[in-house]
Amino acid sequence: MTAVEYEDNESKFMRKAKENPFVPAGMLGFFAIVAYRLMKMKSRGETKMSVHLIHMRVAAQGFVVGAMTLGVVYSMYKEYVLQPAEAQKALEQKAQEK
């Protein structure tokens, strides 16, 4: 991988992160939950390994789904609430200028 390809991949990630800030938050939460549950595995007691891993997977996936849902709601808010309000203000300003 050349330096130019690396920069392209990095800028693509940064562009996507700016478009939807909940993607990096979802990734961070996923890895944090997995790391916490892996550290907690030592003190799981009588719980079977498979049950512990299933609980870890469900918690991590739940966090990611929640982050994705918040991201969709945020993007819908920007598109359907903020943009029409800005367009309406621009029309009112043009009407006042005339």
N, C-alpha and C. Protein backbone atom coordinates (compact mmCIF):
# COMPACT_ATOMS: atom_id res chain seq x y z
N MET A 1 0.85 -1.17 0.00
CA MET A 1 0.00 0.00 0.00
C MET A 1 0.89 1.23 0.00
N THR A 2 0.66 2.09 -0.95
CA THR A 2 1.47 3.30 -1.06
C THR A 2 0.93 4.38 -0.12
N ALA A 3 1.71 5.43 0.03
CA ALA A 3 1.31 6.53 0.91
C ALA A 3 0.07 7.24 0.38
N VAL A 4 -0.06 7.32 -0.95
CA VAL A 4 -1.21 8.00 -1.54
C VAL A 4 -2.49 7.20 -1.26
N GLU A 5 -2.42 5.86 -1.41
CA GLU A 5 -3.59 5.03 -1.12
C GLU A 5 -3.97 5.12 0.35
N TYR A 6 -2.99 5.17 1.23
CA TYR A 6 -3.26 5.29 2.66
C TYR A 6 -3.97 6.60 2.96
N GLU A 7 -3.51 7.68 2.38
CA GLU A 7 -4.14 8.99 2.59
C GLU A 7 -5.56 9.00 2.05
N ASP A 8 -5.78 8.33 0.92
CA ASP A 8 -7.13 8.27 0.36
C ASP A 8 -8.07 7.53 1.29
N ASN A 9 -7.62 6.41 1.86
CA ASN A 9 -8.45 5.65 2.79
C ASN A 9 -8.73 6.46 4.05
N GLU A 10 -7.71 7.15 4.55
CA GLU A 10 -7.89 7.95 5.76
C GLU A 10 -8.85 9.11 5.51
N SER A 11 -8.71 9.77 4.39
CA SER A 11 -9.60 10.89 4.10
C SER A 11 -11.03 10.40 3.85
N LYS A 12 -11.17 9.22 3.29
CA LYS A 12 -12.50 8.65 3.08
C LYS A 12 -13.17 8.38 4.42
N PHE A 13 -12.42 7.83 5.37
CA PHE A 13 -12.98 7.58 6.70
C PHE A 13 -13.35 8.89 7.38
N MET A 14 -12.49 9.90 7.28
CA MET A 14 -12.78 11.19 7.91
C MET A 14 -14.01 11.84 7.27
N ARG A 15 -14.14 11.71 5.96
CA ARG A 15 -15.30 12.28 5.27
C ARG A 15 -16.57 11.59 5.73
N LYS A 16 -16.53 10.27 5.82
CA LYS A 16 -17.71 9.52 6.28
C LYS A 16 -18.03 9.86 7.74
N ALA A 17 -17.00 10.05 8.54
CA ALA A 17 -17.22 10.39 9.95
C ALA A 17 -17.86 11.77 10.09
N LYS A 18 -17.50 12.70 9.21
CA LYS A 18 -18.11 14.03 9.26
C LYS A 18 -19.55 13.99 8.78
N GLU A 19 -19.84 13.14 7.79
CA GLU A 19 -21.20 13.02 7.28
C GLU A 19 -22.12 12.40 8.32
N ASN A 20 -21.64 11.38 9.01
CA ASN A 20 -22.44 10.71 10.02
C ASN A 20 -21.57 10.46 11.25
N PRO A 21 -21.62 11.35 12.23
CA PRO A 21 -20.72 11.22 13.39
C PRO A 21 -21.05 10.04 14.30
N PHE A 22 -22.16 9.38 14.08
CA PHE A 22 -22.52 8.25 14.93
C PHE A 22 -21.80 6.96 14.54
N VAL A 23 -21.19 6.93 13.35
CA VAL A 23 -20.45 5.73 12.93
C VAL A 23 -19.22 5.53 13.81
N PRO A 24 -18.35 6.54 13.99
CA PRO A 24 -17.21 6.32 14.89
C PRO A 24 -17.64 6.07 16.33
N ALA A 25 -18.74 6.70 16.75
CA ALA A 25 -19.24 6.47 18.11
C ALA A 25 -19.70 5.02 18.25
N GLY A 26 -20.37 4.50 17.24
CA GLY A 26 -20.80 3.09 17.27
C GLY A 26 -19.62 2.14 17.30
N MET A 27 -18.60 2.44 16.50
CA MET A 27 -17.41 1.59 16.48
C MET A 27 -16.69 1.63 17.83
N LEU A 28 -16.56 2.82 18.38
CA LEU A 28 -15.90 2.97 19.68
C LEU A 28 -16.66 2.23 20.77
N GLY A 29 -17.98 2.37 20.77
CA GLY A 29 -18.80 1.67 21.76
C GLY A 29 -18.71 0.16 21.62
N PHE A 30 -18.72 -0.31 20.38
CA PHE A 30 -18.60 -1.76 20.13
C PHE A 30 -17.31 -2.31 20.72
N PHE A 31 -16.19 -1.65 20.40
CA PHE A 31 -14.91 -2.15 20.90
C PHE A 31 -14.79 -1.99 22.41
N ALA A 32 -15.38 -0.95 22.97
CA ALA A 32 -15.34 -0.77 24.42
C ALA A 32 -16.12 -1.87 25.13
N ILE A 33 -17.30 -2.21 24.61
CA ILE A 33 -18.10 -3.27 25.22
C ILE A 33 -17.40 -4.61 25.12
N VAL A 34 -16.84 -4.90 23.96
CA VAL A 34 -16.13 -6.18 23.78
C VAL A 34 -14.93 -6.25 24.71
N ALA A 35 -14.16 -5.17 24.81
CA ALA A 35 -12.98 -5.17 25.70
C ALA A 35 -13.40 -5.36 27.16
N TYR A 36 -14.45 -4.66 27.57
CA TYR A 36 -14.92 -4.78 28.96
C TYR A 36 -15.39 -6.20 29.27
N ARG A 37 -16.17 -6.77 28.34
CA ARG A 37 -16.69 -8.11 28.59
C ARG A 37 -15.58 -9.17 28.53
N LEU A 38 -14.57 -8.95 27.71
CA LEU A 38 -13.45 -9.89 27.69
C LEU A 38 -12.66 -9.83 28.99
N MET A 39 -12.49 -8.63 29.54
CA MET A 39 -11.79 -8.52 30.83
C MET A 39 -12.64 -9.12 31.95
N LYS A 40 -13.94 -8.98 31.84
CA LYS A 40 -14.85 -9.49 32.86
C LYS A 40 -14.99 -11.02 32.78
N MET A 41 -14.51 -11.62 31.71
CA MET A 41 -14.65 -13.06 31.51
C MET A 41 -13.97 -13.86 32.62
N LYS A 42 -12.92 -13.32 33.21
CA LYS A 42 -12.21 -14.03 34.28
C LYS A 42 -13.10 -14.24 35.50
N SER A 43 -14.00 -13.28 35.74
CA SER A 43 -14.83 -13.36 36.94
C SER A 43 -16.28 -13.71 36.59
N ARG A 44 -16.47 -14.54 35.60
CA ARG A 44 -17.84 -14.88 35.18
C ARG A 44 -18.49 -15.91 36.09
N GLY A 45 -17.72 -16.52 36.96
CA GLY A 45 -18.27 -17.49 37.91
C GLY A 45 -18.69 -18.78 37.23
N GLU A 46 -19.92 -19.22 37.53
CA GLU A 46 -20.42 -20.48 37.01
C GLU A 46 -21.06 -20.36 35.62
N THR A 47 -21.06 -19.16 35.07
CA THR A 47 -21.67 -18.95 33.76
C THR A 47 -20.85 -19.64 32.68
N LYS A 48 -21.52 -20.34 31.79
CA LYS A 48 -20.82 -21.02 30.70
C LYS A 48 -20.18 -19.99 29.78
N MET A 49 -19.09 -20.39 29.15
CA MET A 49 -18.38 -19.51 28.22
C MET A 49 -19.29 -19.09 27.08
N SER A 50 -20.06 -20.00 26.53
CA SER A 50 -20.91 -19.66 25.38
C SER A 50 -21.97 -18.63 25.76
N VAL A 51 -22.54 -18.75 26.95
CA VAL A 51 -23.55 -17.79 27.40
C VAL A 51 -22.92 -16.41 27.58
N HIS A 52 -21.72 -16.38 28.15
CA HIS A 52 -21.02 -15.11 28.34
C HIS A 52 -20.73 -14.45 26.99
N LEU A 53 -20.27 -15.23 26.02
CA LEU A 53 -19.97 -14.68 24.70
C LEU A 53 -21.23 -14.20 23.99
N ILE A 54 -22.33 -14.91 24.15
CA ILE A 54 -23.59 -14.48 23.54
C ILE A 54 -24.05 -13.16 24.14
N HIS A 55 -23.94 -13.02 25.45
CA HIS A 55 -24.32 -11.77 26.10
C HIS A 55 -23.43 -10.61 25.62
N MET A 56 -22.15 -10.89 25.44
CA MET A 56 -21.23 -9.88 24.95
C MET A 56 -21.62 -9.45 23.54
N ARG A 57 -21.92 -10.41 22.69
CA ARG A 57 -22.31 -10.11 21.31
C ARG A 57 -23.59 -9.30 21.26
N VAL A 58 -24.58 -9.68 22.06
CA VAL A 58 -25.86 -8.97 22.06
C VAL A 58 -25.69 -7.54 22.55
N ALA A 59 -24.88 -7.33 23.58
CA ALA A 59 -24.65 -5.98 24.10
C ALA A 59 -23.94 -5.12 23.06
N ALA A 60 -22.93 -5.67 22.42
CA ALA A 60 -22.18 -4.91 21.42
C ALA A 60 -23.05 -4.59 20.21
N GLN A 61 -23.81 -5.57 19.73
CA GLN A 61 -24.68 -5.33 18.58
C GLN A 61 -25.79 -4.34 18.93
N GLY A 62 -26.30 -4.42 20.13
CA GLY A 62 -27.34 -3.48 20.56
C GLY A 62 -26.83 -2.05 20.57
N PHE A 63 -25.60 -1.86 21.01
CA PHE A 63 -25.03 -0.52 21.00
C PHE A 63 -24.87 -0.01 19.58
N VAL A 64 -24.39 -0.86 18.68
CA VAL A 64 -24.20 -0.45 17.29
C VAL A 64 -25.53 -0.12 16.63
N VAL A 65 -26.55 -0.94 16.86
CA VAL A 65 -27.87 -0.68 16.28
C VAL A 65 -28.43 0.63 16.83
N GLY A 66 -28.25 0.89 18.11
CA GLY A 66 -28.69 2.14 18.70
C GLY A 66 -27.98 3.34 18.08
N ALA A 67 -26.67 3.23 17.88
CA ALA A 67 -25.91 4.31 17.26
C ALA A 67 -26.37 4.54 15.82
N MET A 68 -26.63 3.46 15.09
CA MET A 68 -27.11 3.60 13.72
C MET A 68 -28.48 4.27 13.69
N THR A 69 -29.36 3.89 14.61
CA THR A 69 -30.69 4.49 14.68
C THR A 69 -30.59 5.98 14.98
N LEU A 70 -29.76 6.36 15.93
CA LEU A 70 -29.57 7.77 16.23
C LEU A 70 -29.00 8.52 15.03
N GLY A 71 -28.10 7.88 14.30
CA GLY A 71 -27.54 8.50 13.10
C GLY A 71 -28.59 8.74 12.03
N VAL A 72 -29.48 7.79 11.84
CA VAL A 72 -30.55 7.95 10.85
C VAL A 72 -31.50 9.07 11.27
N VAL A 73 -31.86 9.09 12.55
CA VAL A 73 -32.76 10.14 13.05
C VAL A 73 -32.09 11.51 12.89
N TYR A 74 -30.81 11.60 13.19
CA TYR A 74 -30.08 12.86 13.06
C TYR A 74 -30.03 13.32 11.60
N SER A 75 -29.74 12.40 10.68
CA SER A 75 -29.68 12.79 9.27
C SER A 75 -31.06 13.18 8.74
N MET A 76 -32.11 12.50 9.20
CA MET A 76 -33.47 12.89 8.80
C MET A 76 -33.82 14.26 9.35
N TYR A 77 -33.41 14.56 10.57
CA TYR A 77 -33.65 15.86 11.16
C TYR A 77 -32.96 16.96 10.35
N LYS A 78 -31.70 16.71 9.99
CA LYS A 78 -30.98 17.70 9.19
C LYS A 78 -31.64 17.91 7.84
N GLU A 79 -32.09 16.83 7.21
CA GLU A 79 -32.63 16.93 5.85
C GLU A 79 -34.04 17.48 5.81
N TYR A 80 -34.89 17.08 6.74
CA TYR A 80 -36.30 17.43 6.66
C TYR A 80 -36.74 18.55 7.59
N VAL A 81 -35.91 18.92 8.56
CA VAL A 81 -36.30 20.00 9.48
C VAL A 81 -35.42 21.23 9.28
N LEU A 82 -34.11 21.05 9.31
CA LEU A 82 -33.22 22.20 9.22
C LEU A 82 -33.17 22.81 7.83
N GLN A 83 -33.05 21.99 6.79
CA GLN A 83 -32.96 22.53 5.43
C GLN A 83 -34.23 23.26 5.01
N PRO A 84 -35.44 22.73 5.23
CA PRO A 84 -36.63 23.50 4.87
C PRO A 84 -36.74 24.81 5.66
N ALA A 85 -36.32 24.81 6.92
CA ALA A 85 -36.36 26.04 7.72
C ALA A 85 -35.40 27.08 7.14
N GLU A 86 -34.21 26.65 6.73
CA GLU A 86 -33.26 27.57 6.11
C GLU A 86 -33.80 28.09 4.79
N ALA A 87 -34.44 27.24 4.00
CA ALA A 87 -35.01 27.66 2.72
C ALA A 87 -36.14 28.67 2.96
N GLN A 88 -36.94 28.44 3.97
CA GLN A 88 -38.03 29.36 4.28
C GLN A 88 -37.49 30.71 4.70
N LYS A 89 -36.43 30.74 5.51
CA LYS A 89 -35.82 32.00 5.93
C LYS A 89 -35.25 32.75 4.73
N ALA A 90 -34.64 32.01 3.79
CA ALA A 90 -34.09 32.65 2.60
C ALA A 90 -35.21 33.27 1.76
N LEU A 91 -36.32 32.58 1.63
CA LEU A 91 -37.45 33.12 0.87
C LEU A 91 -38.03 34.37 1.54
N GLU A 92 -38.14 34.35 2.85
CA GLU A 92 -38.65 35.52 3.58
C GLU A 92 -37.70 36.71 3.45
N GLN A 93 -36.40 36.43 3.46
CA GLN A 93 -35.42 37.51 3.32
C GLN A 93 -35.50 38.11 1.92
N LYS A 94 -35.68 37.30 0.87
CA LYS A 94 -35.82 37.81 -0.48
C LYS A 94 -37.08 38.63 -0.62
N ALA A 95 -38.16 38.19 0.03
CA ALA A 95 -39.41 38.91 -0.04
C ALA A 95 -39.29 40.27 0.64
N GLN A 96 -38.54 40.36 1.73
CA GLN A 96 -38.35 41.62 2.43
C GLN A 96 -37.48 42.60 1.62
N GLU A 97 -36.52 42.06 0.87
CA GLU A 97 -35.65 42.89 0.06
C GLU A 97 -36.40 43.56 -1.08
N LYS A 98 -37.42 42.90 -1.58
CA LYS A 98 -38.20 43.44 -2.72
C LYS A 98 -39.09 44.48 -2.19
